[in-house]
Amino acid sequence: MSKTKKAAAAVVKADRELSHKTAAHRETPAVKRIEAAGDLADQPPLIVLSVVTILVGAVLSRPAVAKNGVRMLASHLVATGLKNVVKHSVDRTRPAKAIDSGEHRFKKGESRDHDQTSFPSGHTAGAVAIASAVAHDAPGAALPAYAVAGAAAAAQLPSGKHYLLDTLAGAVVGYIGEKVASAALHAAEAALDGIRRRQPSAHRPDRSSPT
């Protein structure tokens, strides 16, 4: 075994041992409350948050707020898509299942079994994507936004849903998701601006037409 493979195996082993210890009390009421709080970073709540932000911006005539809601939604959708690609390419047994069965799988695969799709953390990916979108339009809110995303990621460990490496990978996916979504939105805005500039103004005659 090469040094790189040995190092990777050592990291995975340490990650597994740490996460299993963290999830040892996953059935206690306190951890169940933490788990419930972490579930606020699941896909439906984050989509609702994004849509509500868009609607609030529209109703209050705050284009900047509505635009941020669009960025949040787009970032979340892109991050979710990227997360799914990785999940369907890597099989990893969730901590709770591994603890109960005594078996841990972490290798290339395409399982759709929920217990074998621990990597990466979708909750973390979504939360970081939303936080990055907020930070993009409101830099002053970056710290609290990322703090909330970090709390959502941390909640995945004691509940036995994810390993630490899963959450770190999810954070990377979420960050990339926002960057891709923002680049796409910027390109769309530039294209629309170009179309508007090419259109004749309603306040002056079109000089290209014969008089």
C-alpha atoms as a PDB file:
ATOM      1  CA  MET A   1       0.000   0.000   0.000  1.00  0.00           C
ATOM      2  CA  SER A   2       1.365   3.435  -0.989  1.00  0.00           C
ATOM      3  CA  LYS A   3       1.953   6.183   1.546  1.00  0.00           C
ATOM      4  CA  THR A   4      -0.969   8.146   0.114  1.00  0.00           C
ATOM      5  CA  LYS A   5      -3.356   5.216   0.514  1.00  0.00           C
ATOM      6  CA  LYS A   6      -2.072   4.553   4.029  1.00  0.00           C
ATOM      7  CA  ALA A   7      -2.609   8.181   4.974  1.00  0.00           C
ATOM      8  CA  ALA A   8      -6.123   8.153   3.485  1.00  0.00           C
ATOM      9  CA  ALA A   9      -6.962   4.937   5.336  1.00  0.00           C
ATOM     10  CA  ALA A  10      -5.714   6.448   8.583  1.00  0.00           C
ATOM     11  CA  VAL A  11      -7.863   9.548   8.076  1.00  0.00           C
ATOM     12  CA  VAL A  12     -10.959   7.455   7.355  1.00  0.00           C
ATOM     13  CA  LYS A  13     -10.313   5.290  10.406  1.00  0.00           C
ATOM     14  CA  ALA A  14      -9.901   8.332  12.667  1.00  0.00           C
ATOM     15  CA  ASP A  15     -13.022   9.885  11.157  1.00  0.00           C
ATOM     16  CA  ARG A  16     -15.000   6.693  11.773  1.00  0.00           C
ATOM     17  CA  GLU A  17     -13.822   6.320  15.378  1.00  0.00           C
ATOM     18  CA  LEU A  18     -14.487   9.972  16.216  1.00  0.00           C
ATOM     19  CA  SER A  19     -17.914  10.003  14.612  1.00  0.00           C
ATOM     20  CA  HIS A  20     -18.963   6.711  16.232  1.00  0.00           C
ATOM     21  CA  LYS A  21     -18.013   8.061  19.650  1.00  0.00           C
ATOM     22  CA  THR A  22     -19.911  11.281  18.949  1.00  0.00           C
ATOM     23  CA  ALA A  23     -23.009   9.283  17.975  1.00  0.00           C
ATOM     24  CA  ALA A  24     -22.881   6.982  20.996  1.00  0.00           C
ATOM     25  CA  HIS A  25     -25.793   8.792  22.686  1.00  0.00           C
ATOM     26  CA  ARG A  26     -27.894   9.377  19.555  1.00  0.00           C
ATOM     27  CA  GLU A  27     -31.069   7.972  21.139  1.00  0.00           C
ATOM     28  CA  THR A  28     -31.126  10.356  24.107  1.00  0.00           C
ATOM     29  CA  PRO A  29     -33.771  13.112  24.227  1.00  0.00           C
ATOM     30  CA  ALA A  30     -31.126  15.847  24.121  1.00  0.00           C
ATOM     31  CA  VAL A  31     -29.584  14.505  20.919  1.00  0.00           C
ATOM     32  CA  LYS A  32     -33.024  13.989  19.400  1.00  0.00           C
ATOM     33  CA  ARG A  33     -33.679  17.702  19.920  1.00  0.00           C
ATOM     34  CA  ILE A  34     -30.373  18.522  18.251  1.00  0.00           C
ATOM     35  CA  GLU A  35     -31.312  16.233  15.373  1.00  0.00           C
ATOM     36  CA  ALA A  36     -34.675  17.985  14.977  1.00  0.00           C
ATOM     37  CA  ALA A  37     -32.929  21.364  14.843  1.00  0.00           C
ATOM     38  CA  GLY A  38     -30.482  20.041  12.264  1.00  0.00           C
ATOM     39  CA  ASP A  39     -33.366  18.873  10.090  1.00  0.00           C
ATOM     40  CA  LEU A  40     -34.251  22.525   9.477  1.00  0.00           C
ATOM     41  CA  ALA A  41     -31.402  22.355   6.953  1.00  0.00           C
ATOM     42  CA  ASP A  42     -33.178  19.641   4.985  1.00  0.00           C
ATOM     43  CA  GLN A  43     -34.229  20.395   1.400  1.00  0.00           C
ATOM     44  CA  PRO A  44     -37.911  21.389   1.931  1.00  0.00           C
ATOM     45  CA  PRO A  45     -37.274  23.975   4.705  1.00  0.00           C
ATOM     46  CA  LEU A  46     -34.429  25.589   2.746  1.00  0.00           C
ATOM     47  CA  ILE A  47     -36.510  25.763  -0.428  1.00  0.00           C
ATOM     48  CA  VAL A  48     -39.385  27.328   1.533  1.00  0.00           C
ATOM     49  CA  LEU A  49     -36.971  29.859   3.075  1.00  0.00           C
ATOM     50  CA  SER A  50     -35.684  30.818  -0.369  1.00  0.00           C
ATOM     51  CA  VAL A  51     -39.165  31.174  -1.882  1.00  0.00           C
ATOM     52  CA  VAL A  52     -40.396  33.215   1.090  1.00  0.00           C
ATOM     53  CA  THR A  53     -37.413  35.539   0.683  1.00  0.00           C
ATOM     54  CA  ILE A  54     -38.325  36.053  -2.977  1.00  0.00           C
ATOM     55  CA  LEU A  55     -41.960  36.758  -2.096  1.00  0.00           C
ATOM     56  CA  VAL A  56     -41.064  39.174   0.719  1.00  0.00           C
ATOM     57  CA  GLY A  57     -38.804  41.089  -1.637  1.00  0.00           C
ATOM     58  CA  ALA A  58     -41.552  41.249  -4.274  1.00  0.00           C
ATOM     59  CA  VAL A  59     -44.317  42.284  -1.869  1.00  0.00           C
ATOM     60  CA  LEU A  60     -42.200  44.957  -0.165  1.00  0.00           C
ATOM     61  CA  SER A  61     -40.776  46.189  -3.480  1.00  0.00           C
ATOM     62  CA  ARG A  62     -37.262  45.295  -2.381  1.00  0.00           C
ATOM     63  CA  PRO A  63     -35.533  44.010  -5.523  1.00  0.00           C
ATOM     64  CA  ALA A  64     -32.306  43.309  -3.647  1.00  0.00           C
ATOM     65  CA  VAL A  65     -34.132  40.996  -1.229  1.00  0.00           C
ATOM     66  CA  ALA A  66     -35.962  39.201  -4.041  1.00  0.00           C
ATOM     67  CA  LYS A  67     -32.687  38.842  -5.942  1.00  0.00           C
ATOM     68  CA  ASN A  68     -31.052  37.302  -2.899  1.00  0.00           C
ATOM     69  CA  GLY A  69     -33.943  34.852  -2.616  1.00  0.00           C
ATOM     70  CA  VAL A  70     -33.393  33.828  -6.229  1.00  0.00           C
ATOM     71  CA  ARG A  71     -29.680  33.363  -5.528  1.00  0.00           C
ATOM     72  CA  MET A  72     -30.475  31.281  -2.434  1.00  0.00           C
ATOM     73  CA  LEU A  73     -32.852  29.035  -4.368  1.00  0.00           C
ATOM     74  CA  ALA A  74     -30.504  28.628  -7.331  1.00  0.00           C
ATOM     75  CA  SER A  75     -27.525  27.920  -5.074  1.00  0.00           C
ATOM     76  CA  HIS A  76     -29.454  25.309  -3.131  1.00  0.00           C
ATOM     77  CA  LEU A  77     -30.690  23.575  -6.275  1.00  0.00           C
ATOM     78  CA  VAL A  78     -27.225  23.467  -7.832  1.00  0.00           C
ATOM     79  CA  ALA A  79     -25.653  22.220  -4.594  1.00  0.00           C
ATOM     80  CA  THR A  80     -28.344  19.534  -4.305  1.00  0.00           C
ATOM     81  CA  GLY A  81     -27.652  18.397  -7.852  1.00  0.00           C
ATOM     82  CA  LEU A  82     -23.906  18.204  -7.227  1.00  0.00           C
ATOM     83  CA  LYS A  83     -24.487  16.388  -3.944  1.00  0.00           C
ATOM     84  CA  ASN A  84     -26.659  13.804  -5.657  1.00  0.00           C
ATOM     85  CA  VAL A  85     -23.995  13.141  -8.288  1.00  0.00           C
ATOM     86  CA  VAL A  86     -21.438  12.404  -5.564  1.00  0.00           C
ATOM     87  CA  LYS A  87     -23.860  10.374  -3.429  1.00  0.00           C
ATOM     88  CA  HIS A  88     -24.709   8.165  -6.379  1.00  0.00           C
ATOM     89  CA  SER A  89     -21.024   7.569  -7.043  1.00  0.00           C
ATOM     90  CA  VAL A  90     -19.838   6.754  -3.518  1.00  0.00           C
ATOM     91  CA  ASP A  91     -21.231   4.246  -1.037  1.00  0.00           C
ATOM     92  CA  ARG A  92     -20.679   5.014   2.637  1.00  0.00           C
ATOM     93  CA  THR A  93     -22.545   3.433   5.524  1.00  0.00           C
ATOM     94  CA  ARG A  94     -24.157   5.987   7.814  1.00  0.00           C
ATOM     95  CA  PRO A  95     -22.706   6.039  11.347  1.00  0.00           C
ATOM     96  CA  ALA A  96     -25.886   4.832  13.077  1.00  0.00           C
ATOM     97  CA  LYS A  97     -26.155   1.868  10.711  1.00  0.00           C
ATOM     98  CA  ALA A  98     -22.450   1.075  11.010  1.00  0.00           C
ATOM     99  CA  ILE A  99     -22.619   1.138  14.806  1.00  0.00           C
ATOM    100  CA  ASP A 100     -25.646  -1.174  14.870  1.00  0.00           C
ATOM    101  CA  SER A 101     -24.363  -3.617  12.241  1.00  0.00           C
ATOM    102  CA  GLY A 102     -20.639  -3.461  12.974  1.00  0.00           C
ATOM    103  CA  GLU A 103     -19.973  -2.996   9.251  1.00  0.00           C
ATOM    104  CA  HIS A 104     -18.707   0.155   7.556  1.00  0.00           C
ATOM    105  CA  ARG A 105     -18.443   0.554   3.793  1.00  0.00           C
ATOM    106  CA  PHE A 106     -16.736   3.499   2.143  1.00  0.00           C
ATOM    107  CA  LYS A 107     -15.935   2.941  -1.518  1.00  0.00           C
ATOM    108  CA  LYS A 108     -16.961   3.718  -5.066  1.00  0.00           C
ATOM    109  CA  GLY A 109     -20.511   2.575  -5.726  1.00  0.00           C
ATOM    110  CA  GLU A 110     -24.000   3.551  -6.794  1.00  0.00           C
ATOM    111  CA  SER A 111     -26.254   2.402  -3.973  1.00  0.00           C
ATOM    112  CA  ARG A 112     -29.608   4.143  -3.522  1.00  0.00           C
ATOM    113  CA  ASP A 113     -30.052   2.659  -0.037  1.00  0.00           C
ATOM    114  CA  HIS A 114     -30.414   5.548   2.407  1.00  0.00           C
ATOM    115  CA  ASP A 115     -28.197   3.774   4.937  1.00  0.00           C
ATOM    116  CA  GLN A 116     -25.379   3.602   2.367  1.00  0.00           C
ATOM    117  CA  THR A 117     -25.454   7.200   1.137  1.00  0.00           C
ATOM    118  CA  SER A 118     -23.778   9.047   3.971  1.00  0.00           C
ATOM    119  CA  PHE A 119     -21.224  10.847   1.783  1.00  0.00           C
ATOM    120  CA  PRO A 120     -21.503  13.806   1.426  1.00  0.00           C
ATOM    121  CA  SER A 121     -23.911  15.485   3.849  1.00  0.00           C
ATOM    122  CA  GLY A 122     -26.828  16.967   1.933  1.00  0.00           C
ATOM    123  CA  HIS A 123     -27.973  19.008   4.928  1.00  0.00           C
ATOM    124  CA  THR A 124     -24.551  20.631   5.132  1.00  0.00           C
ATOM    125  CA  ALA A 125     -24.368  21.235   1.387  1.00  0.00           C
ATOM    126  CA  GLY A 126     -27.736  22.980   1.382  1.00  0.00           C
ATOM    127  CA  ALA A 127     -27.035  25.037   4.484  1.00  0.00           C
ATOM    128  CA  VAL A 128     -23.649  26.237   3.221  1.00  0.00           C
ATOM    129  CA  ALA A 129     -25.090  27.036  -0.218  1.00  0.00           C
ATOM    130  CA  ILE A 130     -27.769  29.214   1.379  1.00  0.00           C
ATOM    131  CA  ALA A 131     -25.259  30.856   3.733  1.00  0.00           C
ATOM    132  CA  SER A 132     -22.916  31.593   0.823  1.00  0.00           C
ATOM    133  CA  ALA A 133     -25.777  33.143  -1.137  1.00  0.00           C
ATOM    134  CA  VAL A 134     -26.660  35.381   1.810  1.00  0.00           C
ATOM    135  CA  ALA A 135     -23.004  36.345   2.256  1.00  0.00           C
ATOM    136  CA  HIS A 136     -22.747  37.179  -1.448  1.00  0.00           C
ATOM    137  CA  ASP A 137     -25.484  39.833  -1.302  1.00  0.00           C
ATOM    138  CA  ALA A 138     -25.135  40.862   2.351  1.00  0.00           C
ATOM    139  CA  PRO A 139     -21.495  40.544   3.479  1.00  0.00           C
ATOM    140  CA  GLY A 140     -22.415  41.899   6.897  1.00  0.00           C
ATOM    141  CA  ALA A 141     -24.599  38.836   7.483  1.00  0.00           C
ATOM    142  CA  ALA A 142     -21.903  36.359   6.421  1.00  0.00           C
ATOM    143  CA  LEU A 143     -20.748  35.460   9.929  1.00  0.00           C
ATOM    144  CA  PRO A 144     -24.178  34.617  11.391  1.00  0.00           C
ATOM    145  CA  ALA A 145     -25.200  32.859   8.172  1.00  0.00           C
ATOM    146  CA  TYR A 146     -22.152  30.611   8.213  1.00  0.00           C
ATOM    147  CA  ALA A 147     -22.542  30.083  11.969  1.00  0.00           C
ATOM    148  CA  VAL A 148     -26.052  28.724  11.412  1.00  0.00           C
ATOM    149  CA  ALA A 149     -24.777  26.503   8.583  1.00  0.00           C
ATOM    150  CA  GLY A 150     -21.985  25.265  10.844  1.00  0.00           C
ATOM    151  CA  ALA A 151     -24.483  24.410  13.570  1.00  0.00           C
ATOM    152  CA  ALA A 152     -26.593  22.474  11.065  1.00  0.00           C
ATOM    153  CA  ALA A 153     -23.508  20.537   9.987  1.00  0.00           C
ATOM    154  CA  ALA A 154     -22.450  19.838  13.571  1.00  0.00           C
ATOM    155  CA  ALA A 155     -25.909  18.470  14.379  1.00  0.00           C
ATOM    156  CA  GLN A 156     -25.380  15.634  11.896  1.00  0.00           C
ATOM    157  CA  LEU A 157     -22.654  13.984  14.005  1.00  0.00           C
ATOM    158  CA  PRO A 158     -24.325  13.259  17.366  1.00  0.00           C
ATOM    159  CA  SER A 159     -27.451  12.059  15.572  1.00  0.00           C
ATOM    160  CA  GLY A 160     -25.420   9.403  13.746  1.00  0.00           C
ATOM    161  CA  LYS A 161     -26.483  10.634  10.321  1.00  0.00           C
ATOM    162  CA  HIS A 162     -23.072  11.642   9.023  1.00  0.00           C
ATOM    163  CA  TYR A 163     -19.342  11.454   9.617  1.00  0.00           C
ATOM    164  CA  LEU A 164     -17.154  14.514  10.000  1.00  0.00           C
ATOM    165  CA  LEU A 165     -15.695  13.979   6.513  1.00  0.00           C
ATOM    166  CA  ASP A 166     -19.244  13.858   5.138  1.00  0.00           C
ATOM    167  CA  THR A 167     -19.995  17.295   6.535  1.00  0.00           C
ATOM    168  CA  LEU A 168     -16.703  18.765   5.303  1.00  0.00           C
ATOM    169  CA  ALA A 169     -17.380  17.398   1.820  1.00  0.00           C
ATOM    170  CA  GLY A 170     -20.930  18.747   2.023  1.00  0.00           C
ATOM    171  CA  ALA A 171     -19.594  22.200   2.901  1.00  0.00           C
ATOM    172  CA  VAL A 172     -17.337  22.159  -0.155  1.00  0.00           C
ATOM    173  CA  VAL A 173     -20.247  21.076  -2.362  1.00  0.00           C
ATOM    174  CA  GLY A 174     -22.455  23.849  -0.960  1.00  0.00           C
ATOM    175  CA  TYR A 175     -19.771  26.496  -1.480  1.00  0.00           C
ATOM    176  CA  ILE A 176     -19.168  25.378  -5.065  1.00  0.00           C
ATOM    177  CA  GLY A 177     -22.923  25.250  -5.661  1.00  0.00           C
ATOM    178  CA  GLU A 178     -23.284  28.926  -4.776  1.00  0.00           C
ATOM    179  CA  LYS A 179     -20.344  29.918  -6.963  1.00  0.00           C
ATOM    180  CA  VAL A 180     -21.770  28.038  -9.955  1.00  0.00           C
ATOM    181  CA  ALA A 181     -25.271  29.435  -9.385  1.00  0.00           C
ATOM    182  CA  SER A 182     -23.991  33.008  -8.978  1.00  0.00           C
ATOM    183  CA  ALA A 183     -21.923  32.715 -12.166  1.00  0.00           C
ATOM    184  CA  ALA A 184     -25.004  31.495 -14.037  1.00  0.00           C
ATOM    185  CA  LEU A 185     -27.157  34.314 -12.643  1.00  0.00           C
ATOM    186  CA  HIS A 186     -24.502  36.880 -13.570  1.00  0.00           C
ATOM    187  CA  ALA A 187     -24.382  35.526 -17.119  1.00  0.00           C
ATOM    188  CA  ALA A 188     -28.178  35.638 -17.342  1.00  0.00           C
ATOM    189  CA  GLU A 189     -28.246  39.244 -16.107  1.00  0.00           C
ATOM    190  CA  ALA A 190     -25.579  40.259 -18.626  1.00  0.00           C
ATOM    191  CA  ALA A 191     -27.545  38.629 -21.441  1.00  0.00           C
ATOM    192  CA  LEU A 192     -30.750  40.416 -20.424  1.00  0.00           C
ATOM    193  CA  ASP A 193     -28.941  43.753 -20.197  1.00  0.00           C
ATOM    194  CA  GLY A 194     -27.596  43.194 -23.708  1.00  0.00           C
ATOM    195  CA  ILE A 195     -31.093  42.497 -25.022  1.00  0.00           C
ATOM    196  CA  ARG A 196     -32.448  45.639 -23.356  1.00  0.00           C
ATOM    197  CA  ARG A 197     -29.689  47.799 -24.835  1.00  0.00           C
ATOM    198  CA  ARG A 198     -30.442  46.519 -28.319  1.00  0.00           C
ATOM    199  CA  GLN A 199     -34.148  47.336 -28.007  1.00  0.00           C
ATOM    200  CA  PRO A 200     -35.263  50.811 -29.232  1.00  0.00           C
ATOM    201  CA  SER A 201     -36.338  53.170 -26.463  1.00  0.00           C
ATOM    202  CA  ALA A 202     -40.042  53.795 -26.017  1.00  0.00           C
ATOM    203  CA  HIS A 203     -39.297  57.495 -25.512  1.00  0.00           C
ATOM    204  CA  ARG A 204     -37.554  58.149 -28.819  1.00  0.00           C
ATOM    205  CA  PRO A 205     -38.388  57.238 -32.407  1.00  0.00           C
ATOM    206  CA  ASP A 206     -36.669  54.303 -34.010  1.00  0.00           C
ATOM    207  CA  ARG A 207     -34.393  56.118 -36.495  1.00  0.00           C
ATOM    208  CA  SER A 208     -33.811  52.930 -38.395  1.00  0.00           C
ATOM    209  CA  SER A 209     -37.425  53.135 -39.678  1.00  0.00           C
ATOM    210  CA  PRO A 210     -38.216  55.265 -42.760  1.00  0.00           C
ATOM    211  CA  THR A 211     -40.086  58.540 -42.085  1.00  0.00           C
END
